[in-house]
C-alpha atoms as a PDB file:
ATOM      1  CA  MET A   1     133.029 101.036 115.086  1.00  0.00           C
ATOM      2  CA  ASN A   2     134.991 100.405 111.861  1.00  0.00           C
ATOM      3  CA  ASP A   3     135.062 102.780 108.898  1.00  0.00           C
ATOM      4  CA  LYS A   4     132.403 100.724 106.940  1.00  0.00           C
ATOM      5  CA  ASN A   5     129.843 100.872 109.781  1.00  0.00           C
ATOM      6  CA  ARG A   6     130.605 104.459 110.402  1.00  0.00           C
ATOM      7  CA  ASN A   7     129.922 105.219 106.858  1.00  0.00           C
ATOM      8  CA  LEU A   8     126.874 103.350 106.842  1.00  0.00           C
ATOM      9  CA  VAL A   9     125.463 105.081 110.012  1.00  0.00           C
ATOM     10  CA  ILE A  10     126.411 108.468 108.064  1.00  0.00           C
ATOM     11  CA  ARG A  11     124.500 107.430 105.210  1.00  0.00           C
ATOM     12  CA  VAL A  12     121.392 106.533 107.008  1.00  0.00           C
ATOM     13  CA  VAL A  13     121.308 109.688 109.264  1.00  0.00           C
ATOM     14  CA  SER A  14     121.640 111.755 106.141  1.00  0.00           C
ATOM     15  CA  ALA A  15     118.771 109.912 104.233  1.00  0.00           C
ATOM     16  CA  VAL A  16     116.501 110.268 107.306  1.00  0.00           C
ATOM     17  CA  THR A  17     117.342 113.878 107.669  1.00  0.00           C
ATOM     18  CA  LEU A  18     117.171 115.045 104.202  1.00  0.00           C
ATOM     19  CA  LEU A  19     114.203 112.957 102.706  1.00  0.00           C
ATOM     20  CA  PRO A  20     111.561 114.241 104.867  1.00  0.00           C
ATOM     21  CA  LEU A  21     112.545 117.721 104.065  1.00  0.00           C
ATOM     22  CA  VAL A  22     112.587 117.288 100.276  1.00  0.00           C
ATOM     23  CA  LEU A  23     109.317 115.620 100.529  1.00  0.00           C
ATOM     24  CA  LEU A  24     107.847 118.335 102.446  1.00  0.00           C
ATOM     25  CA  LEU A  25     108.866 120.737  99.917  1.00  0.00           C
ATOM     26  CA  LEU A  26     107.464 118.800  97.079  1.00  0.00           C
ATOM     27  CA  PHE A  27     104.333 118.481  98.865  1.00  0.00           C
ATOM     28  CA  LEU A  28     104.064 122.308  99.411  1.00  0.00           C
ATOM     29  CA  GLY A  29     104.410 123.020  95.832  1.00  0.00           C
ATOM     30  CA  GLY A  30     104.784 126.417  94.147  1.00  0.00           C
ATOM     31  CA  TYR A  31     107.672 128.443  95.065  1.00  0.00           C
ATOM     32  CA  TRP A  32     108.619 125.909  97.790  1.00  0.00           C
ATOM     33  CA  SER A  33     109.265 122.901  95.423  1.00  0.00           C
ATOM     34  CA  ALA A  34     110.736 125.294  92.710  1.00  0.00           C
ATOM     35  CA  ALA A  35     113.330 126.643  95.109  1.00  0.00           C
ATOM     36  CA  LEU A  36     114.233 123.074  96.166  1.00  0.00           C
ATOM     37  CA  LEU A  37     114.591 121.990  92.442  1.00  0.00           C
ATOM     38  CA  GLY A  38     116.638 125.255  91.587  1.00  0.00           C
ATOM     39  CA  ALA A  39     118.879 124.916  94.305  1.00  0.00           C
ATOM     40  CA  ALA A  40     119.486 121.127  93.306  1.00  0.00           C
ATOM     41  CA  ALA A  41     119.827 122.017  89.787  1.00  0.00           C
ATOM     42  CA  ALA A  42     122.623 124.634  90.450  1.00  0.00           C
ATOM     43  CA  ALA A  43     124.267 122.003  92.664  1.00  0.00           C
ATOM     44  CA  CYS A  44     124.141 119.484  90.009  1.00  0.00           C
ATOM     45  CA  VAL A  45     125.614 121.703  87.383  1.00  0.00           C
ATOM     46  CA  GLY A  46     128.366 122.886  89.658  1.00  0.00           C
ATOM     47  CA  GLU A  47     129.412 119.338  90.365  1.00  0.00           C
ATOM     48  CA  TYR A  48     129.455 118.623  86.661  1.00  0.00           C
ATOM     49  CA  TYR A  49     131.804 121.701  85.966  1.00  0.00           C
ATOM     50  CA  LEU A  50     133.985 120.663  88.875  1.00  0.00           C
ATOM     51  CA  ILE A  51     134.386 117.126  87.705  1.00  0.00           C
ATOM     52  CA  VAL A  52     135.322 118.234  83.921  1.00  0.00           C
ATOM     53  CA  GLN A  53     137.331 121.510  84.924  1.00  0.00           C
ATOM     54  CA  LYS A  54     138.287 120.994  88.554  1.00  0.00           C
ATOM     55  CA  ARG A  55     137.456 124.526  89.444  1.00  0.00           C
ATOM     56  CA  LEU A  56     134.517 126.991  89.068  1.00  0.00           C
ATOM     57  CA  THR A  57     134.984 129.851  86.632  1.00  0.00           C
ATOM     58  CA  VAL A  58     132.712 132.914  86.100  1.00  0.00           C
ATOM     59  CA  ALA A  59     131.078 131.231  83.279  1.00  0.00           C
ATOM     60  CA  SER A  60     130.457 128.355  85.594  1.00  0.00           C
ATOM     61  CA  TRP A  61     128.680 130.482  88.031  1.00  0.00           C
ATOM     62  CA  VAL A  62     126.737 132.056  85.417  1.00  0.00           C
ATOM     63  CA  GLY A  63     125.551 128.370  84.308  1.00  0.00           C
ATOM     64  CA  MET A  64     124.593 127.464  87.851  1.00  0.00           C
ATOM     65  CA  ALA A  65     122.582 130.666  88.071  1.00  0.00           C
ATOM     66  CA  PHE A  66     120.673 129.832  84.816  1.00  0.00           C
ATOM     67  CA  ALA A  67     120.207 126.259  86.040  1.00  0.00           C
ATOM     68  CA  ALA A  68     118.695 127.633  89.377  1.00  0.00           C
ATOM     69  CA  VAL A  69     116.243 129.734  87.337  1.00  0.00           C
ATOM     70  CA  LEU A  70     114.995 127.087  85.091  1.00  0.00           C
ATOM     71  CA  PRO A  71     112.775 125.196  87.543  1.00  0.00           C
ATOM     72  CA  PHE A  72     111.004 128.312  88.233  1.00  0.00           C
ATOM     73  CA  LEU A  73     109.873 128.571  84.404  1.00  0.00           C
ATOM     74  CA  PRO A  74     106.735 126.229  84.724  1.00  0.00           C
ATOM     75  CA  MET A  75     105.110 128.588  87.315  1.00  0.00           C
ATOM     76  CA  ARG A  76     104.391 130.758  84.317  1.00  0.00           C
ATOM     77  CA  ASP A  77     102.833 128.027  82.145  1.00  0.00           C
ATOM     78  CA  ALA A  78     103.794 124.400  82.759  1.00  0.00           C
ATOM     79  CA  ALA A  79     102.709 123.245  79.291  1.00  0.00           C
ATOM     80  CA  ARG A  80     105.086 125.636  77.721  1.00  0.00           C
ATOM     81  CA  THR A  81     107.967 124.782  79.911  1.00  0.00           C
ATOM     82  CA  GLY A  82     109.850 123.006  76.977  1.00  0.00           C
ATOM     83  CA  GLU A  83     109.589 126.152  74.762  1.00  0.00           C
ATOM     84  CA  THR A  84     110.728 128.655  77.485  1.00  0.00           C
ATOM     85  CA  ALA A  85     113.396 126.375  78.512  1.00  0.00           C
ATOM     86  CA  PHE A  86     114.758 126.053  75.009  1.00  0.00           C
ATOM     87  CA  TRP A  87     114.982 129.858  74.619  1.00  0.00           C
ATOM     88  CA  LEU A  88     116.793 130.194  77.767  1.00  0.00           C
ATOM     89  CA  THR A  89     119.223 127.536  76.700  1.00  0.00           C
ATOM     90  CA  ILE A  90     119.954 129.415  73.592  1.00  0.00           C
ATOM     91  CA  VAL A  91     120.757 132.379  75.237  1.00  0.00           C
ATOM     92  CA  PHE A  92     123.276 130.520  77.695  1.00  0.00           C
ATOM     93  CA  ALA A  93     124.774 128.728  74.744  1.00  0.00           C
ATOM     94  CA  PHE A  94     125.456 131.971  72.854  1.00  0.00           C
ATOM     95  CA  PHE A  95     127.009 133.355  76.288  1.00  0.00           C
ATOM     96  CA  ALA A  96     129.129 130.371  76.586  1.00  0.00           C
ATOM     97  CA  TRP A  97     130.447 130.767  72.977  1.00  0.00           C
ATOM     98  CA  ILE A  98     131.240 134.419  73.339  1.00  0.00           C
ATOM     99  CA  TYR A  99     132.713 134.050  76.928  1.00  0.00           C
ATOM    100  CA  HIS A 100     135.221 131.509  75.669  1.00  0.00           C
ATOM    101  CA  LEU A 101     135.900 133.213  72.359  1.00  0.00           C
ATOM    102  CA  PHE A 102     137.449 136.192  74.570  1.00  0.00           C
ATOM    103  CA  LYS A 103     138.432 134.324  77.654  1.00  0.00           C
ATOM    104  CA  GLY A 104     140.285 131.310  75.824  1.00  0.00           C
ATOM    105  CA  PRO A 105     142.653 129.687  75.785  1.00  0.00           C
ATOM    106  CA  LEU A 106     141.420 129.382  72.103  1.00  0.00           C
ATOM    107  CA  ALA A 107     142.686 125.738  71.542  1.00  0.00           C
ATOM    108  CA  GLU A 108     140.473 124.484  74.262  1.00  0.00           C
ATOM    109  CA  ALA A 109     137.505 127.152  73.793  1.00  0.00           C
ATOM    110  CA  PRO A 110     135.258 124.804  71.703  1.00  0.00           C
ATOM    111  CA  THR A 111     135.497 121.950  74.504  1.00  0.00           C
ATOM    112  CA  ARG A 112     135.085 124.105  77.178  1.00  0.00           C
ATOM    113  CA  THR A 113     131.941 125.604  75.684  1.00  0.00           C
ATOM    114  CA  ALA A 114     130.514 122.395  75.058  1.00  0.00           C
ATOM    115  CA  HIS A 115     130.983 121.326  78.614  1.00  0.00           C
ATOM    116  CA  LEU A 116     129.442 124.475  79.813  1.00  0.00           C
ATOM    117  CA  VAL A 117     126.369 123.941  77.757  1.00  0.00           C
ATOM    118  CA  ASN A 118     126.230 120.200  78.228  1.00  0.00           C
ATOM    119  CA  GLY A 119     126.536 120.583  82.114  1.00  0.00           C
ATOM    120  CA  PHE A 120     123.746 123.034  82.219  1.00  0.00           C
ATOM    121  CA  LEU A 121     121.391 120.626  80.194  1.00  0.00           C
ATOM    122  CA  TYR A 122     122.452 117.548  82.092  1.00  0.00           C
ATOM    123  CA  GLY A 123     121.998 119.222  85.732  1.00  0.00           C
ATOM    124  CA  ALA A 124     118.774 121.406  85.044  1.00  0.00           C
ATOM    125  CA  VAL A 125     116.617 119.821  82.451  1.00  0.00           C
ATOM    126  CA  GLY A 126     115.514 116.799  84.598  1.00  0.00           C
ATOM    127  CA  LEU A 127     114.593 118.909  87.738  1.00  0.00           C
ATOM    128  CA  THR A 128     112.897 121.390  85.531  1.00  0.00           C
ATOM    129  CA  ALA A 129     110.514 118.492  84.241  1.00  0.00           C
ATOM    130  CA  VAL A 130     109.975 117.742  87.973  1.00  0.00           C
ATOM    131  CA  SER A 131     108.991 121.330  88.397  1.00  0.00           C
ATOM    132  CA  ALA A 132     106.459 121.030  85.555  1.00  0.00           C
ATOM    133  CA  LEU A 133     105.060 117.927  86.887  1.00  0.00           C
ATOM    134  CA  ARG A 134     104.525 119.305  90.292  1.00  0.00           C
ATOM    135  CA  LEU A 135     102.566 122.295  88.769  1.00  0.00           C
ATOM    136  CA  LEU A 136      99.981 120.361  86.878  1.00  0.00           C
ATOM    137  CA  PRO A 137      96.461 121.445  87.828  1.00  0.00           C
ATOM    138  CA  ASP A 138      95.355 118.161  88.758  1.00  0.00           C
ATOM    139  CA  HIS A 139      97.502 115.247  90.405  1.00  0.00           C
ATOM    140  CA  GLY A 140     100.692 117.139  90.067  1.00  0.00           C
ATOM    141  CA  LEU A 141     102.137 115.666  93.289  1.00  0.00           C
ATOM    142  CA  ALA A 142     101.104 112.023  92.092  1.00  0.00           C
ATOM    143  CA  TRP A 143     103.285 112.456  88.863  1.00  0.00           C
ATOM    144  CA  VAL A 144     106.138 113.789  90.857  1.00  0.00           C
ATOM    145  CA  ILE A 145     105.999 110.757  93.050  1.00  0.00           C
ATOM    146  CA  CYS A 146     105.593 108.553  90.051  1.00  0.00           C
ATOM    147  CA  ALA A 147     109.129 109.729  88.953  1.00  0.00           C
ATOM    148  CA  LEU A 148     110.493 109.301  92.441  1.00  0.00           C
ATOM    149  CA  VAL A 149     109.052 105.809  92.623  1.00  0.00           C
ATOM    150  CA  ILE A 150     110.394 104.215  89.334  1.00  0.00           C
ATOM    151  CA  THR A 151     113.658 105.645  90.355  1.00  0.00           C
ATOM    152  CA  TRP A 152     114.108 104.914  93.952  1.00  0.00           C
ATOM    153  CA  ALA A 153     112.201 101.333  93.927  1.00  0.00           C
ATOM    154  CA  ASN A 154     114.360 100.404  91.060  1.00  0.00           C
ATOM    155  CA  ASP A 155     117.614 101.369  92.730  1.00  0.00           C
ATOM    156  CA  THR A 156     116.423  99.607  96.032  1.00  0.00           C
ATOM    157  CA  ALA A 157     115.433  96.448  94.069  1.00  0.00           C
ATOM    158  CA  ALA A 158     118.480  96.325  91.821  1.00  0.00           C
ATOM    159  CA  TYR A 159     120.822  96.640  95.070  1.00  0.00           C
ATOM    160  CA  PHE A 160     119.225  93.572  96.742  1.00  0.00           C
ATOM    161  CA  PHE A 161     118.764  91.399  93.544  1.00  0.00           C
ATOM    162  CA  GLY A 162     122.333  92.329  92.504  1.00  0.00           C
ATOM    163  CA  ARG A 163     123.827  91.504  95.835  1.00  0.00           C
ATOM    164  CA  PHE A 164     122.106  88.317  96.465  1.00  0.00           C
ATOM    165  CA  LEU A 165     121.697  86.873  92.885  1.00  0.00           C
ATOM    166  CA  GLY A 166     124.025  89.021  90.746  1.00  0.00           C
ATOM    167  CA  LYS A 167     126.539  86.964  88.740  1.00  0.00           C
ATOM    168  CA  HIS A 168     126.471  88.526  85.205  1.00  0.00           C
ATOM    169  CA  LYS A 169     128.261  91.983  85.147  1.00  0.00           C
ATOM    170  CA  LEU A 170     125.932  94.585  83.139  1.00  0.00           C
ATOM    171  CA  TYR A 171     128.821  96.983  82.012  1.00  0.00           C
ATOM    172  CA  PRO A 172     132.041  96.465  84.117  1.00  0.00           C
ATOM    173  CA  GLU A 173     134.050  99.008  82.105  1.00  0.00           C
ATOM    174  CA  VAL A 174     131.777 101.672  83.752  1.00  0.00           C
ATOM    175  CA  SER A 175     130.334 100.342  86.835  1.00  0.00           C
ATOM    176  CA  PRO A 176     132.144  97.154  88.037  1.00  0.00           C
ATOM    177  CA  ASN A 177     129.410  96.315  90.555  1.00  0.00           C
ATOM    178  CA  LYS A 178     126.074  96.460  88.521  1.00  0.00           C
ATOM    179  CA  THR A 179     124.892  93.142  87.183  1.00  0.00           C
ATOM    180  CA  TRP A 180     122.093  92.145  84.860  1.00  0.00           C
ATOM    181  CA  GLU A 181     120.319  90.253  87.579  1.00  0.00           C
ATOM    182  CA  GLY A 182     120.361  93.859  89.431  1.00  0.00           C
ATOM    183  CA  PHE A 183     119.104  95.508  86.316  1.00  0.00           C
ATOM    184  CA  PHE A 184     116.022  93.225  85.645  1.00  0.00           C
ATOM    185  CA  GLY A 185     115.475  92.982  89.527  1.00  0.00           C
ATOM    186  CA  GLY A 186     115.305  96.752  89.624  1.00  0.00           C
ATOM    187  CA  MET A 187     112.699  97.013  86.610  1.00  0.00           C
ATOM    188  CA  LEU A 188     110.522  94.724  88.719  1.00  0.00           C
ATOM    189  CA  GLY A 189     110.997  96.988  91.615  1.00  0.00           C
ATOM    190  CA  SER A 190     109.834 100.059  89.523  1.00  0.00           C
ATOM    191  CA  VAL A 191     106.996  98.223  88.228  1.00  0.00           C
ATOM    192  CA  GLY A 192     105.949  96.889  91.622  1.00  0.00           C
ATOM    193  CA  GLY A 193     106.490 100.262  93.337  1.00  0.00           C
ATOM    194  CA  MET A 194     104.111 101.831  90.692  1.00  0.00           C
ATOM    195  CA  PHE A 195     101.374  99.447  91.561  1.00  0.00           C
ATOM    196  CA  ILE A 196     101.938  99.906  95.280  1.00  0.00           C
ATOM    197  CA  ALA A 197     101.662 103.600  94.631  1.00  0.00           C
ATOM    198  CA  ARG A 198      98.486 103.040  92.708  1.00  0.00           C
ATOM    199  CA  GLN A 199      96.767 100.858  95.039  1.00  0.00           C
ATOM    200  CA  PHE A 200      97.467 102.675  98.250  1.00  0.00           C
ATOM    201  CA  PHE A 201      97.989 106.392  97.307  1.00  0.00           C
ATOM    202  CA  PHE A 202      97.512 107.424  93.743  1.00  0.00           C
ATOM    203  CA  PRO A 203      94.566 105.846  91.962  1.00  0.00           C
ATOM    204  CA  VAL A 204      94.952 108.325  89.116  1.00  0.00           C
ATOM    205  CA  PHE A 205      97.705 105.720  87.911  1.00  0.00           C
ATOM    206  CA  THR A 206      96.050 103.380  85.466  1.00  0.00           C
ATOM    207  CA  VAL A 207      97.483  99.575  85.119  1.00  0.00           C
ATOM    208  CA  TRP A 208      99.071 100.693  81.810  1.00  0.00           C
ATOM    209  CA  ASP A 209     100.766 103.568  83.653  1.00  0.00           C
ATOM    210  CA  CYS A 210     102.383 101.326  86.077  1.00  0.00           C
ATOM    211  CA  VAL A 211     103.425  98.999  83.510  1.00  0.00           C
ATOM    212  CA  LEU A 212     104.761 101.224  80.646  1.00  0.00           C
ATOM    213  CA  LEU A 213     106.506 103.770  83.106  1.00  0.00           C
ATOM    214  CA  GLY A 214     107.763 101.055  85.275  1.00  0.00           C
ATOM    215  CA  ILE A 215     109.367  99.174  82.493  1.00  0.00           C
ATOM    216  CA  ALA A 216     110.703 102.521  80.790  1.00  0.00           C
ATOM    217  CA  GLY A 217     111.828 103.809  84.189  1.00  0.00           C
ATOM    218  CA  GLY A 218     113.584 100.549  84.823  1.00  0.00           C
ATOM    219  CA  ILE A 219     115.546 100.790  81.593  1.00  0.00           C
ATOM    220  CA  LEU A 220     116.230 104.705  81.533  1.00  0.00           C
ATOM    221  CA  GLY A 221     116.953 105.261  85.146  1.00  0.00           C
ATOM    222  CA  PRO A 222     120.051 102.842  85.150  1.00  0.00           C
ATOM    223  CA  VAL A 223     121.050 104.378  81.845  1.00  0.00           C
ATOM    224  CA  GLY A 224     121.359 107.658  83.700  1.00  0.00           C
ATOM    225  CA  ASP A 225     123.172 105.977  86.410  1.00  0.00           C
ATOM    226  CA  LEU A 226     125.604 104.662  83.951  1.00  0.00           C
ATOM    227  CA  CYS A 227     126.248 108.134  82.280  1.00  0.00           C
ATOM    228  CA  GLU A 228     127.199 109.622  85.537  1.00  0.00           C
ATOM    229  CA  SER A 229     129.418 106.746  86.398  1.00  0.00           C
ATOM    230  CA  MET A 230     131.018 106.992  82.883  1.00  0.00           C
ATOM    231  CA  LEU A 231     131.561 110.844  83.460  1.00  0.00           C
ATOM    232  CA  LYS A 232     133.420 110.128  86.789  1.00  0.00           C
ATOM    233  CA  ARG A 233     135.627 107.170  85.453  1.00  0.00           C
ATOM    234  CA  ALA A 234     136.532 109.560  82.525  1.00  0.00           C
ATOM    235  CA  TYR A 235     137.720 112.116  84.900  1.00  0.00           C
ATOM    236  CA  GLY A 236     138.954 109.887  87.660  1.00  0.00           C
ATOM    237  CA  VAL A 237     136.541 111.064  90.369  1.00  0.00           C
ATOM    238  CA  LYS A 238     135.002 109.005  92.861  1.00  0.00           C
ATOM    239  CA  ASP A 239     132.084 111.237  94.132  1.00  0.00           C
ATOM    240  CA  SER A 240     130.584 113.891  92.046  1.00  0.00           C
ATOM    241  CA  GLY A 241     130.757 116.102  95.225  1.00  0.00           C
ATOM    242  CA  VAL A 242     130.628 116.253  99.211  1.00  0.00           C
ATOM    243  CA  LEU A 243     127.238 117.904  99.753  1.00  0.00           C
ATOM    244  CA  ILE A 244     125.490 115.047 101.085  1.00  0.00           C
ATOM    245  CA  PRO A 245     127.701 113.183 103.879  1.00  0.00           C
ATOM    246  CA  GLY A 246     127.940 109.554 103.279  1.00  0.00           C
ATOM    247  CA  HIS A 247     126.474 109.726  99.699  1.00  0.00           C
ATOM    248  CA  GLY A 248     128.694 112.151  97.949  1.00  0.00           C
ATOM    249  CA  GLY A 249     127.173 114.841  95.689  1.00  0.00           C
ATOM    250  CA  VAL A 250     123.704 115.771  94.665  1.00  0.00           C
ATOM    251  CA  LEU A 251     124.468 114.122  91.143  1.00  0.00           C
ATOM    252  CA  ASP A 252     125.317 110.878  92.877  1.00  0.00           C
ATOM    253  CA  ARG A 253     121.880 110.677  94.476  1.00  0.00           C
ATOM    254  CA  ILE A 254     119.759 112.050  91.578  1.00  0.00           C
ATOM    255  CA  ASP A 255     121.572 110.733  88.534  1.00  0.00           C
ATOM    256  CA  ALA A 256     118.740 108.409  87.432  1.00  0.00           C
ATOM    257  CA  LEU A 257     116.030 110.913  88.254  1.00  0.00           C
ATOM    258  CA  LEU A 258     117.459 113.352  85.675  1.00  0.00           C
ATOM    259  CA  PHE A 259     116.547 110.770  82.946  1.00  0.00           C
ATOM    260  CA  ASN A 260     113.277 109.537  84.498  1.00  0.00           C
ATOM    261  CA  ALA A 261     111.715 112.820  85.099  1.00  0.00           C
ATOM    262  CA  PRO A 262     111.734 113.968  81.429  1.00  0.00           C
ATOM    263  CA  LEU A 263     110.389 110.394  80.626  1.00  0.00           C
ATOM    264  CA  VAL A 264     107.365 111.114  83.040  1.00  0.00           C
ATOM    265  CA  PHE A 265     106.840 114.250  81.712  1.00  0.00           C
ATOM    266  CA  VAL A 266     106.729 113.362  77.938  1.00  0.00           C
ATOM    267  CA  TYR A 267     104.502 110.422  79.026  1.00  0.00           C
ATOM    268  CA  VAL A 268     101.999 112.783  80.832  1.00  0.00           C
ATOM    269  CA  GLN A 269     101.956 115.096  77.746  1.00  0.00           C
ATOM    270  CA  PHE A 270     101.701 113.006  74.759  1.00  0.00           C
ATOM    271  CA  VAL A 271     100.470 109.518  76.127  1.00  0.00           C
ATOM    272  CA  ARG A 272      97.861 110.735  78.908  1.00  0.00           C
ATOM    273  CA  GLY A 273      97.298 114.102  77.282  1.00  0.00           C
ATOM    274  CA  LEU A 274      97.179 115.976  80.626  1.00  0.00           C
ATOM    275  CA  LEU A 275      99.021 118.950  79.312  1.00  0.00           C
ATOM    276  CA  PRO A 276      97.548 121.040  76.552  1.00  0.00           C
END
């Protein structure tokens, strides 16, 4: 078996092993899903820190701990998730400034502080939105699946459209393999995936939900993917980590979801009015 086929087998085995566990914990909800999302948030934040600074400092571990706590906040009041997360972020931002003020080196302190806070926000906010969606009193699981569908269906459709029809590069400076054909094919996949979910599993989705979230997720998800690619390219890194065999790091797998989950949360709150 050559290296290419071996890597493919590893990727498939990893996906088949992990996906049922992830879906089970999300289905169980409560502390189960919060623990899953908290662990994923800490992993994402840690991977960001390792990309930009090559090692984990004391402040990095504090950032990972704060990130692990964030998905538990909606358990108090899902509707006030944004407010409580905001104040926790303020506390962490003050910590980041004070830590680097005394730790130094002073010439790099502002940049390191910015990365500490940005990594925390990047890795934790999207997964906290997933946690808040799951804790909705009605159809919480459906809206979590919505975020997953517009992300995974987009990724799958974009891959096949890009592979068989792709000719025009989307943003080669950041991601050489992405094409405009894959981008629009992925958007069709997001919309189509929502209609399939509506037809067979979640009639709570309206036609407008399927169209609007499918299109918006078909745009925002690839942007999230490109942002992570930009980060890795800027620091000369191939994968964000090694936690998922054959797939790289957690960030590599959920970079698009980190953008799509807040989209769904905002839509549910302000368009559908399902949060007070």
